[in-house]
Amino acid sequence: GYPDGHVAEVHGSIHHLQCTVPCGDRIWPVDDLRVLLDEESMRA
């Protein structure tokens, strides 16, 4: 329940994504992203 703007996350957030290159400075929310996982190997 803390306002998002009142939380300074010095290492960023797993709930936002960026380009690996990166091609620019765009950051976008993960929204409903689901990553399917092989539980045995822990690979996506």
ModelCIF file with pLDDT and N, C-alpha, C, O atoms, coordinates in Angstrom:
data_MODEL
#
_entry.id   MODEL 
#
_entity.id                         1 
_entity.type                       polymer 
_entity.pdbx_number_of_molecules   1 
#
_entity_poly.entity_id                      1 
_entity_poly.type                           'polypeptide(L)' 
_entity_poly.nstd_linkage                   no 
_entity_poly.nstd_monomer                   no 
_entity_poly.pdbx_seq_one_letter_code       GYPDGHVAEVHGSIHHLQCTVPCGDRIWPVDDLRVLLDEESMRA 
_entity_poly.pdbx_seq_one_letter_code_can   GYPDGHVAEVHGSIHHLQCTVPCGDRIWPVDDLRVLLDEESMRA 
_entity_poly.pdbx_strand_id                 A 
#
loop_
_entity_poly_seq.entity_id 
_entity_poly_seq.num 
_entity_poly_seq.mon_id 
_entity_poly_seq.hetero 
1 1  GLY n 
1 2  TYR n 
1 3  PRO n 
1 4  ASP n 
1 5  GLY n 
1 6  HIS n 
1 7  VAL n 
1 8  ALA n 
1 9  GLU n 
1 10 VAL n 
1 11 HIS n 
1 12 GLY n 
1 13 SER n 
1 14 ILE n 
1 15 HIS n 
1 16 HIS n 
1 17 LEU n 
1 18 GLN n 
1 19 CYS n 
1 20 THR n 
1 21 VAL n 
1 22 PRO n 
1 23 CYS n 
1 24 GLY n 
1 25 ASP n 
1 26 ARG n 
1 27 ILE n 
1 28 TRP n 
1 29 PRO n 
1 30 VAL n 
1 31 ASP n 
1 32 ASP n 
1 33 LEU n 
1 34 ARG n 
1 35 VAL n 
1 36 LEU n 
1 37 LEU n 
1 38 ASP n 
1 39 GLU n 
1 40 GLU n 
1 41 SER n 
1 42 MET n 
1 43 ARG n 
1 44 ALA n 
#
_struct_asym.id          A 
_struct_asym.entity_id   1 
#
loop_
_ma_qa_metric.id 
_ma_qa_metric.mode 
_ma_qa_metric.name 
_ma_qa_metric.software_group_id 
_ma_qa_metric.type 
1 global pLDDT . pLDDT 
2 local  pLDDT . pLDDT 
#
_ma_qa_metric_global.metric_id      1 
_ma_qa_metric_global.metric_value   95.52 
_ma_qa_metric_global.model_id       1 
_ma_qa_metric_global.ordinal_id     1 
#
loop_
_ma_qa_metric_local.label_asym_id 
_ma_qa_metric_local.label_comp_id 
_ma_qa_metric_local.label_seq_id 
_ma_qa_metric_local.metric_id 
_ma_qa_metric_local.metric_value 
_ma_qa_metric_local.model_id 
_ma_qa_metric_local.ordinal_id 
A GLY 1  2 97.00 1 1  
A TYR 2  2 98.00 1 2  
A PRO 3  2 97.00 1 3  
A ASP 4  2 96.00 1 4  
A GLY 5  2 95.00 1 5  
A HIS 6  2 97.00 1 6  
A VAL 7  2 98.00 1 7  
A ALA 8  2 98.00 1 8  
A GLU 9  2 98.00 1 9  
A VAL 10 2 98.00 1 10 
A HIS 11 2 97.00 1 11 
A GLY 12 2 98.00 1 12 
A SER 13 2 98.00 1 13 
A ILE 14 2 98.00 1 14 
A HIS 15 2 98.00 1 15 
A HIS 16 2 98.00 1 16 
A LEU 17 2 98.00 1 17 
A GLN 18 2 98.00 1 18 
A CYS 19 2 98.00 1 19 
A THR 20 2 98.00 1 20 
A VAL 21 2 97.00 1 21 
A PRO 22 2 98.00 1 22 
A CYS 23 2 98.00 1 23 
A GLY 24 2 98.00 1 24 
A ASP 25 2 97.00 1 25 
A ARG 26 2 98.00 1 26 
A ILE 27 2 98.00 1 27 
A TRP 28 2 98.00 1 28 
A PRO 29 2 98.00 1 29 
A VAL 30 2 97.00 1 30 
A ASP 31 2 94.00 1 31 
A ASP 32 2 92.00 1 32 
A LEU 33 2 95.00 1 33 
A ARG 34 2 94.00 1 34 
A VAL 35 2 96.00 1 35 
A LEU 36 2 96.00 1 36 
A LEU 37 2 92.00 1 37 
A ASP 38 2 91.00 1 38 
A GLU 39 2 83.00 1 39 
A GLU 40 2 83.00 1 40 
A SER 41 2 84.00 1 41 
A MET 42 2 86.00 1 42 
A ARG 43 2 93.00 1 43 
A ALA 44 2 96.00 1 44 
#
loop_
_atom_site.group_PDB 
_atom_site.id 
_atom_site.type_symbol 
_atom_site.label_atom_id 
_atom_site.label_alt_id 
_atom_site.label_comp_id 
_atom_site.label_asym_id 
_atom_site.label_entity_id 
_atom_site.label_seq_id 
_atom_site.pdbx_PDB_ins_code 
_atom_site.Cartn_x 
_atom_site.Cartn_y 
_atom_site.Cartn_z 
_atom_site.occupancy 
_atom_site.B_iso_or_equiv 
_atom_site.pdbx_formal_charge 
_atom_site.auth_seq_id 
_atom_site.auth_comp_id 
_atom_site.auth_asym_id 
_atom_site.auth_atom_id 
_atom_site.pdbx_PDB_model_num 
ATOM 1   N N  . GLY A 1 1  ? 0.763  -1.235  0.000   1.00 97.00 ? 1  GLY A N  1 
ATOM 2   C CA . GLY A 1 1  ? 0.000  0.000   0.000   1.00 97.00 ? 1  GLY A CA 1 
ATOM 3   C C  . GLY A 1 1  ? 0.791  1.280   0.000   1.00 97.00 ? 1  GLY A C  1 
ATOM 4   O O  . GLY A 1 1  ? 0.205  2.358   0.096   1.00 97.00 ? 1  GLY A O  1 
ATOM 5   N N  . TYR A 1 2  ? 2.108  1.204   -0.104  1.00 98.00 ? 2  TYR A N  1 
ATOM 6   C CA . TYR A 1 2  ? 2.920  2.423   -0.176  1.00 98.00 ? 2  TYR A CA 1 
ATOM 7   C C  . TYR A 1 2  ? 2.795  3.018   -1.581  1.00 98.00 ? 2  TYR A C  1 
ATOM 8   O O  . TYR A 1 2  ? 2.818  2.277   -2.564  1.00 98.00 ? 2  TYR A O  1 
ATOM 9   N N  . PRO A 1 3  ? 2.663  4.349   -1.690  1.00 97.00 ? 3  PRO A N  1 
ATOM 10  C CA . PRO A 1 3  ? 2.622  4.965   -3.022  1.00 97.00 ? 3  PRO A CA 1 
ATOM 11  C C  . PRO A 1 3  ? 3.902  4.645   -3.803  1.00 97.00 ? 3  PRO A C  1 
ATOM 12  O O  . PRO A 1 3  ? 5.004  4.735   -3.262  1.00 97.00 ? 3  PRO A O  1 
ATOM 13  N N  . ASP A 1 4  ? 3.750  4.281   -5.049  1.00 96.00 ? 4  ASP A N  1 
ATOM 14  C CA . ASP A 1 4  ? 4.893  3.879   -5.865  1.00 96.00 ? 4  ASP A CA 1 
ATOM 15  C C  . ASP A 1 4  ? 5.964  4.966   -5.909  1.00 96.00 ? 4  ASP A C  1 
ATOM 16  O O  . ASP A 1 4  ? 7.157  4.663   -5.887  1.00 96.00 ? 4  ASP A O  1 
ATOM 17  N N  . GLY A 1 5  ? 5.547  6.217   -5.971  1.00 95.00 ? 5  GLY A N  1 
ATOM 18  C CA . GLY A 1 5  ? 6.499  7.308   -6.054  1.00 95.00 ? 5  GLY A CA 1 
ATOM 19  C C  . GLY A 1 5  ? 7.252  7.580   -4.774  1.00 95.00 ? 5  GLY A C  1 
ATOM 20  O O  . GLY A 1 5  ? 8.211  8.353   -4.784  1.00 95.00 ? 5  GLY A O  1 
ATOM 21  N N  . HIS A 1 6  ? 6.847  6.965   -3.660  1.00 97.00 ? 6  HIS A N  1 
ATOM 22  C CA . HIS A 1 6  ? 7.512  7.163   -2.382  1.00 97.00 ? 6  HIS A CA 1 
ATOM 23  C C  . HIS A 1 6  ? 8.491  6.034   -2.067  1.00 97.00 ? 6  HIS A C  1 
ATOM 24  O O  . HIS A 1 6  ? 9.051  5.992   -0.972  1.00 97.00 ? 6  HIS A O  1 
ATOM 25  N N  . VAL A 1 7  ? 8.702  5.124   -3.009  1.00 98.00 ? 7  VAL A N  1 
ATOM 26  C CA . VAL A 1 7  ? 9.604  3.987   -2.806  1.00 98.00 ? 7  VAL A CA 1 
ATOM 27  C C  . VAL A 1 7  ? 10.779 4.114   -3.776  1.00 98.00 ? 7  VAL A C  1 
ATOM 28  O O  . VAL A 1 7  ? 10.608 3.973   -4.987  1.00 98.00 ? 7  VAL A O  1 
ATOM 29  N N  . ALA A 1 8  ? 11.962 4.377   -3.246  1.00 98.00 ? 8  ALA A N  1 
ATOM 30  C CA . ALA A 1 8  ? 13.170 4.491   -4.054  1.00 98.00 ? 8  ALA A CA 1 
ATOM 31  C C  . ALA A 1 8  ? 13.848 3.129   -4.094  1.00 98.00 ? 8  ALA A C  1 
ATOM 32  O O  . ALA A 1 8  ? 14.390 2.667   -3.090  1.00 98.00 ? 8  ALA A O  1 
ATOM 33  N N  . GLU A 1 9  ? 13.814 2.488   -5.257  1.00 98.00 ? 9  GLU A N  1 
ATOM 34  C CA . GLU A 1 9  ? 14.367 1.145   -5.426  1.00 98.00 ? 9  GLU A CA 1 
ATOM 35  C C  . GLU A 1 9  ? 15.739 1.274   -6.086  1.00 98.00 ? 9  GLU A C  1 
ATOM 36  O O  . GLU A 1 9  ? 15.848 1.382   -7.307  1.00 98.00 ? 9  GLU A O  1 
ATOM 37  N N  . VAL A 1 10 ? 16.772 1.260   -5.265  1.00 98.00 ? 10 VAL A N  1 
ATOM 38  C CA . VAL A 1 10 ? 18.117 1.578   -5.748  1.00 98.00 ? 10 VAL A CA 1 
ATOM 39  C C  . VAL A 1 10 ? 18.637 0.550   -6.747  1.00 98.00 ? 10 VAL A C  1 
ATOM 40  O O  . VAL A 1 10 ? 19.512 0.866   -7.554  1.00 98.00 ? 10 VAL A O  1 
ATOM 41  N N  . HIS A 1 11 ? 18.116 -0.669  -6.705  1.00 97.00 ? 11 HIS A N  1 
ATOM 42  C CA . HIS A 1 11 ? 18.531 -1.725  -7.637  1.00 97.00 ? 11 HIS A CA 1 
ATOM 43  C C  . HIS A 1 11 ? 17.463 -2.023  -8.677  1.00 97.00 ? 11 HIS A C  1 
ATOM 44  O O  . HIS A 1 11 ? 17.568 -3.021  -9.390  1.00 97.00 ? 11 HIS A O  1 
ATOM 45  N N  . GLY A 1 12 ? 16.435 -1.183  -8.785  1.00 98.00 ? 12 GLY A N  1 
ATOM 46  C CA . GLY A 1 12 ? 15.405 -1.408  -9.779  1.00 98.00 ? 12 GLY A CA 1 
ATOM 47  C C  . GLY A 1 12 ? 14.301 -2.324  -9.280  1.00 98.00 ? 12 GLY A C  1 
ATOM 48  O O  . GLY A 1 12 ? 14.158 -2.552  -8.079  1.00 98.00 ? 12 GLY A O  1 
ATOM 49  N N  . SER A 1 13 ? 13.520 -2.849  -10.224 1.00 98.00 ? 13 SER A N  1 
ATOM 50  C CA . SER A 1 13 ? 12.346 -3.651  -9.875  1.00 98.00 ? 13 SER A CA 1 
ATOM 51  C C  . SER A 1 13 ? 12.158 -4.785  -10.869 1.00 98.00 ? 13 SER A C  1 
ATOM 52  O O  . SER A 1 13 ? 12.303 -4.598  -12.077 1.00 98.00 ? 13 SER A O  1 
ATOM 53  N N  . ILE A 1 14 ? 11.835 -5.962  -10.348 1.00 98.00 ? 14 ILE A N  1 
ATOM 54  C CA . ILE A 1 14 ? 11.567 -7.113  -11.209 1.00 98.00 ? 14 ILE A CA 1 
ATOM 55  C C  . ILE A 1 14 ? 10.229 -6.960  -11.936 1.00 98.00 ? 14 ILE A C  1 
ATOM 56  O O  . ILE A 1 14 ? 9.948  -7.704  -12.876 1.00 98.00 ? 14 ILE A O  1 
ATOM 57  N N  . HIS A 1 15 ? 9.411  -6.010  -11.511 1.00 98.00 ? 15 HIS A N  1 
ATOM 58  C CA . HIS A 1 15 ? 8.105  -5.808  -12.114 1.00 98.00 ? 15 HIS A CA 1 
ATOM 59  C C  . HIS A 1 15 ? 8.151  -4.856  -13.310 1.00 98.00 ? 15 HIS A C  1 
ATOM 60  O O  . HIS A 1 15 ? 7.110  -4.436  -13.817 1.00 98.00 ? 15 HIS A O  1 
ATOM 61  N N  . HIS A 1 16 ? 9.356  -4.520  -13.755 1.00 98.00 ? 16 HIS A N  1 
ATOM 62  C CA . HIS A 1 16 ? 9.552  -3.692  -14.942 1.00 98.00 ? 16 HIS A CA 1 
ATOM 63  C C  . HIS A 1 16 ? 10.646 -4.313  -15.809 1.00 98.00 ? 16 HIS A C  1 
ATOM 64  O O  . HIS A 1 16 ? 11.557 -4.968  -15.303 1.00 98.00 ? 16 HIS A O  1 
ATOM 65  N N  . LEU A 1 17 ? 10.545 -4.101  -17.112 1.00 98.00 ? 17 LEU A N  1 
ATOM 66  C CA . LEU A 1 17 ? 11.487 -4.673  -18.067 1.00 98.00 ? 17 LEU A CA 1 
ATOM 67  C C  . LEU A 1 17 ? 12.216 -3.577  -18.832 1.00 98.00 ? 17 LEU A C  1 
ATOM 68  O O  . LEU A 1 17 ? 11.799 -2.419  -18.850 1.00 98.00 ? 17 LEU A O  1 
ATOM 69  N N  . GLN A 1 18 ? 13.323 -3.978  -19.466 1.00 98.00 ? 18 GLN A N  1 
ATOM 70  C CA . GLN A 1 18 ? 14.071 -3.103  -20.361 1.00 98.00 ? 18 GLN A CA 1 
ATOM 71  C C  . GLN A 1 18 ? 14.681 -3.967  -21.453 1.00 98.00 ? 18 GLN A C  1 
ATOM 72  O O  . GLN A 1 18 ? 14.659 -5.194  -21.364 1.00 98.00 ? 18 GLN A O  1 
ATOM 73  N N  . CYS A 1 19 ? 15.217 -3.335  -22.468 1.00 98.00 ? 19 CYS A N  1 
ATOM 74  C CA . CYS A 1 19 ? 15.913 -4.053  -23.543 1.00 98.00 ? 19 CYS A CA 1 
ATOM 75  C C  . CYS A 1 19 ? 17.278 -4.507  -23.052 1.00 98.00 ? 19 CYS A C  1 
ATOM 76  O O  . CYS A 1 19 ? 17.927 -3.796  -22.285 1.00 98.00 ? 19 CYS A O  1 
ATOM 77  N N  . THR A 1 20 ? 17.725 -5.691  -23.488 1.00 98.00 ? 20 THR A N  1 
ATOM 78  C CA . THR A 1 20 ? 19.052 -6.173  -23.088 1.00 98.00 ? 20 THR A CA 1 
ATOM 79  C C  . THR A 1 20 ? 20.172 -5.413  -23.779 1.00 98.00 ? 20 THR A C  1 
ATOM 80  O O  . THR A 1 20 ? 21.293 -5.406  -23.270 1.00 98.00 ? 20 THR A O  1 
ATOM 81  N N  . VAL A 1 21 ? 19.923 -4.779  -24.906 1.00 97.00 ? 21 VAL A N  1 
ATOM 82  C CA . VAL A 1 21 ? 21.012 -4.150  -25.662 1.00 97.00 ? 21 VAL A CA 1 
ATOM 83  C C  . VAL A 1 21 ? 21.689 -3.027  -24.883 1.00 97.00 ? 21 VAL A C  1 
ATOM 84  O O  . VAL A 1 21 ? 22.915 -3.076  -24.780 1.00 97.00 ? 21 VAL A O  1 
ATOM 85  N N  . PRO A 1 22 ? 21.006 -2.005  -24.316 1.00 98.00 ? 22 PRO A N  1 
ATOM 86  C CA . PRO A 1 22 ? 19.641 -1.606  -24.629 1.00 98.00 ? 22 PRO A CA 1 
ATOM 87  C C  . PRO A 1 22 ? 19.613 -0.683  -25.845 1.00 98.00 ? 22 PRO A C  1 
ATOM 88  O O  . PRO A 1 22 ? 20.560 0.057   -26.109 1.00 98.00 ? 22 PRO A O  1 
ATOM 89  N N  . CYS A 1 23 ? 18.498 -0.748  -26.579 1.00 98.00 ? 23 CYS A N  1 
ATOM 90  C CA . CYS A 1 23 ? 18.361 0.096   -27.764 1.00 98.00 ? 23 CYS A CA 1 
ATOM 91  C C  . CYS A 1 23 ? 17.922 1.506   -27.402 1.00 98.00 ? 23 CYS A C  1 
ATOM 92  O O  . CYS A 1 23 ? 18.021 2.410   -28.231 1.00 98.00 ? 23 CYS A O  1 
ATOM 93  N N  . GLY A 1 24 ? 17.443 1.710   -26.193 1.00 98.00 ? 24 GLY A N  1 
ATOM 94  C CA . GLY A 1 24 ? 16.997 3.016   -25.722 1.00 98.00 ? 24 GLY A CA 1 
ATOM 95  C C  . GLY A 1 24 ? 16.764 2.949   -24.234 1.00 98.00 ? 24 GLY A C  1 
ATOM 96  O O  . GLY A 1 24 ? 17.164 1.988   -23.576 1.00 98.00 ? 24 GLY A O  1 
ATOM 97  N N  . ASP A 1 25 ? 16.110 3.980   -23.696 1.00 97.00 ? 25 ASP A N  1 
ATOM 98  C CA . ASP A 1 25 ? 15.904 4.012   -22.246 1.00 97.00 ? 25 ASP A CA 1 
ATOM 99  C C  . ASP A 1 25 ? 14.484 3.646   -21.848 1.00 97.00 ? 25 ASP A C  1 
ATOM 100 O O  . ASP A 1 25 ? 14.054 3.951   -20.736 1.00 97.00 ? 25 ASP A O  1 
ATOM 101 N N  . ARG A 1 26 ? 13.752 2.997   -22.745 1.00 98.00 ? 26 ARG A N  1 
ATOM 102 C CA . ARG A 1 26 ? 12.379 2.598   -22.407 1.00 98.00 ? 26 ARG A CA 1 
ATOM 103 C C  . ARG A 1 26 ? 12.386 1.566   -21.282 1.00 98.00 ? 26 ARG A C  1 
ATOM 104 O O  . ARG A 1 26 ? 13.189 0.633   -21.281 1.00 98.00 ? 26 ARG A O  1 
ATOM 105 N N  . ILE A 1 27 ? 11.475 1.752   -20.323 1.00 98.00 ? 27 ILE A N  1 
ATOM 106 C CA . ILE A 1 27 ? 11.202 0.791   -19.249 1.00 98.00 ? 27 ILE A CA 1 
ATOM 107 C C  . ILE A 1 27 ? 9.699  0.560   -19.247 1.00 98.00 ? 27 ILE A C  1 
ATOM 108 O O  . ILE A 1 27 ? 8.929  1.520   -19.270 1.00 98.00 ? 27 ILE A O  1 
ATOM 109 N N  . TRP A 1 28 ? 9.267  -0.692  -19.221 1.00 98.00 ? 28 TRP A N  1 
ATOM 110 C CA . TRP A 1 28 ? 7.834  -0.960  -19.277 1.00 98.00 ? 28 TRP A CA 1 
ATOM 111 C C  . TRP A 1 28 ? 7.446  -2.004  -18.236 1.00 98.00 ? 28 TRP A C  1 
ATOM 112 O O  . TRP A 1 28 ? 8.265  -2.847  -17.869 1.00 98.00 ? 28 TRP A O  1 
ATOM 113 N N  . PRO A 1 29 ? 6.204  -1.954  -17.757 1.00 98.00 ? 29 PRO A N  1 
ATOM 114 C CA . PRO A 1 29 ? 5.764  -2.903  -16.723 1.00 98.00 ? 29 PRO A CA 1 
ATOM 115 C C  . PRO A 1 29 ? 5.595  -4.309  -17.283 1.00 98.00 ? 29 PRO A C  1 
ATOM 116 O O  . PRO A 1 29 ? 5.301  -4.486  -18.465 1.00 98.00 ? 29 PRO A O  1 
ATOM 117 N N  . VAL A 1 30 ? 5.782  -5.303  -16.427 1.00 97.00 ? 30 VAL A N  1 
ATOM 118 C CA . VAL A 1 30 ? 5.644  -6.695  -16.873 1.00 97.00 ? 30 VAL A CA 1 
ATOM 119 C C  . VAL A 1 30 ? 4.181  -7.043  -17.135 1.00 97.00 ? 30 VAL A C  1 
ATOM 120 O O  . VAL A 1 30 ? 3.881  -7.964  -17.895 1.00 97.00 ? 30 VAL A O  1 
ATOM 121 N N  . ASP A 1 31 ? 3.269  -6.296  -16.496 1.00 94.00 ? 31 ASP A N  1 
ATOM 122 C CA . ASP A 1 31 ? 1.824  -6.558  -16.646 1.00 94.00 ? 31 ASP A CA 1 
ATOM 123 C C  . ASP A 1 31 ? 1.519  -8.030  -16.383 1.00 94.00 ? 31 ASP A C  1 
ATOM 124 O O  . ASP A 1 31 ? 1.810  -8.528  -15.296 1.00 94.00 ? 31 ASP A O  1 
ATOM 125 N N  . ASP A 1 32 ? 0.940  -8.736  -17.353 1.00 92.00 ? 32 ASP A N  1 
ATOM 126 C CA . ASP A 1 32 ? 0.521  -10.123 -17.132 1.00 92.00 ? 32 ASP A CA 1 
ATOM 127 C C  . ASP A 1 32 ? 1.518  -11.131 -17.704 1.00 92.00 ? 32 ASP A C  1 
ATOM 128 O O  . ASP A 1 32 ? 1.151  -12.270 -17.992 1.00 92.00 ? 32 ASP A O  1 
ATOM 129 N N  . LEU A 1 33 ? 2.773  -10.719 -17.869 1.00 95.00 ? 33 LEU A N  1 
ATOM 130 C CA . LEU A 1 33 ? 3.797  -11.624 -18.402 1.00 95.00 ? 33 LEU A CA 1 
ATOM 131 C C  . LEU A 1 33 ? 3.908  -12.899 -17.576 1.00 95.00 ? 33 LEU A C  1 
ATOM 132 O O  . LEU A 1 33 ? 3.987  -12.847 -16.348 1.00 95.00 ? 33 LEU A O  1 
ATOM 133 N N  . ARG A 1 34 ? 3.914  -14.039 -18.251 1.00 94.00 ? 34 ARG A N  1 
ATOM 134 C CA . ARG A 1 34 ? 4.163  -15.325 -17.596 1.00 94.00 ? 34 ARG A CA 1 
ATOM 135 C C  . ARG A 1 34 ? 5.301  -16.019 -18.328 1.00 94.00 ? 34 ARG A C  1 
ATOM 136 O O  . ARG A 1 34 ? 5.261  -16.179 -19.548 1.00 94.00 ? 34 ARG A O  1 
ATOM 137 N N  . VAL A 1 35 ? 6.300  -16.425 -17.588 1.00 96.00 ? 35 VAL A N  1 
ATOM 138 C CA . VAL A 1 35 ? 7.443  -17.131 -18.166 1.00 96.00 ? 35 VAL A CA 1 
ATOM 139 C C  . VAL A 1 35 ? 7.287  -18.614 -17.825 1.00 96.00 ? 35 VAL A C  1 
ATOM 140 O O  . VAL A 1 35 ? 7.301  -18.991 -16.653 1.00 96.00 ? 35 VAL A O  1 
ATOM 141 N N  . LEU A 1 36 ? 7.142  -19.440 -18.842 1.00 96.00 ? 36 LEU A N  1 
ATOM 142 C CA . LEU A 1 36 ? 7.005  -20.887 -18.626 1.00 96.00 ? 36 LEU A CA 1 
ATOM 143 C C  . LEU A 1 36 ? 8.362  -21.465 -18.272 1.00 96.00 ? 36 LEU A C  1 
ATOM 144 O O  . LEU A 1 36 ? 9.391  -21.046 -18.802 1.00 96.00 ? 36 LEU A O  1 
ATOM 145 N N  . LEU A 1 37 ? 8.347  -22.445 -17.358 1.00 92.00 ? 37 LEU A N  1 
ATOM 146 C CA . LEU A 1 37 ? 9.603  -22.921 -16.770 1.00 92.00 ? 37 LEU A CA 1 
ATOM 147 C C  . LEU A 1 37 ? 9.656  -24.442 -16.761 1.00 92.00 ? 37 LEU A C  1 
ATOM 148 O O  . LEU A 1 37 ? 8.670  -25.109 -16.447 1.00 92.00 ? 37 LEU A O  1 
ATOM 149 N N  . ASP A 1 38 ? 10.821 -24.981 -17.109 1.00 91.00 ? 38 ASP A N  1 
ATOM 150 C CA . ASP A 1 38 ? 11.117 -26.396 -16.875 1.00 91.00 ? 38 ASP A CA 1 
ATOM 151 C C  . ASP A 1 38 ? 11.650 -26.497 -15.451 1.00 91.00 ? 38 ASP A C  1 
ATOM 152 O O  . ASP A 1 38 ? 12.787 -26.109 -15.183 1.00 91.00 ? 38 ASP A O  1 
ATOM 153 N N  . GLU A 1 39 ? 10.828 -27.019 -14.532 1.00 83.00 ? 39 GLU A N  1 
ATOM 154 C CA . GLU A 1 39 ? 11.181 -27.021 -13.113 1.00 83.00 ? 39 GLU A CA 1 
ATOM 155 C C  . GLU A 1 39 ? 12.433 -27.847 -12.828 1.00 83.00 ? 39 GLU A C  1 
ATOM 156 O O  . GLU A 1 39 ? 13.150 -27.552 -11.872 1.00 83.00 ? 39 GLU A O  1 
ATOM 157 N N  . GLU A 1 40 ? 12.713 -28.870 -13.631 1.00 83.00 ? 40 GLU A N  1 
ATOM 158 C CA . GLU A 1 40 ? 13.880 -29.719 -13.387 1.00 83.00 ? 40 GLU A CA 1 
ATOM 159 C C  . GLU A 1 40 ? 15.171 -28.974 -13.676 1.00 83.00 ? 40 GLU A C  1 
ATOM 160 O O  . GLU A 1 40 ? 16.115 -29.028 -12.888 1.00 83.00 ? 40 GLU A O  1 
ATOM 161 N N  . SER A 1 41 ? 15.213 -28.285 -14.796 1.00 84.00 ? 41 SER A N  1 
ATOM 162 C CA . SER A 1 41 ? 16.448 -27.588 -15.185 1.00 84.00 ? 41 SER A CA 1 
ATOM 163 C C  . SER A 1 41 ? 16.450 -26.120 -14.778 1.00 84.00 ? 41 SER A C  1 
ATOM 164 O O  . SER A 1 41 ? 17.488 -25.461 -14.830 1.00 84.00 ? 41 SER A O  1 
ATOM 165 N N  . MET A 1 42 ? 15.286 -25.606 -14.373 1.00 86.00 ? 42 MET A N  1 
ATOM 166 C CA . MET A 1 42 ? 15.108 -24.187 -14.033 1.00 86.00 ? 42 MET A CA 1 
ATOM 167 C C  . MET A 1 42 ? 15.408 -23.288 -15.227 1.00 86.00 ? 42 MET A C  1 
ATOM 168 O O  . MET A 1 42 ? 15.880 -22.162 -15.070 1.00 86.00 ? 42 MET A O  1 
ATOM 169 N N  . ARG A 1 43 ? 15.129 -23.802 -16.419 1.00 93.00 ? 43 ARG A N  1 
ATOM 170 C CA . ARG A 1 43 ? 15.297 -22.991 -17.629 1.00 93.00 ? 43 ARG A CA 1 
ATOM 171 C C  . ARG A 1 43 ? 13.933 -22.566 -18.167 1.00 93.00 ? 43 ARG A C  1 
ATOM 172 O O  . ARG A 1 43 ? 12.961 -23.319 -18.117 1.00 93.00 ? 43 ARG A O  1 
ATOM 173 N N  . ALA A 1 44 ? 13.892 -21.352 -18.676 1.00 96.00 ? 44 ALA A N  1 
ATOM 174 C CA . ALA A 1 44 ? 12.658 -20.835 -19.251 1.00 96.00 ? 44 ALA A CA 1 
ATOM 175 C C  . ALA A 1 44 ? 12.430 -21.424 -20.628 1.00 96.00 ? 44 ALA A C  1 
ATOM 176 O O  . ALA A 1 44 ? 11.434 -21.107 -21.278 1.00 96.00 ? 44 ALA A O  1 
#
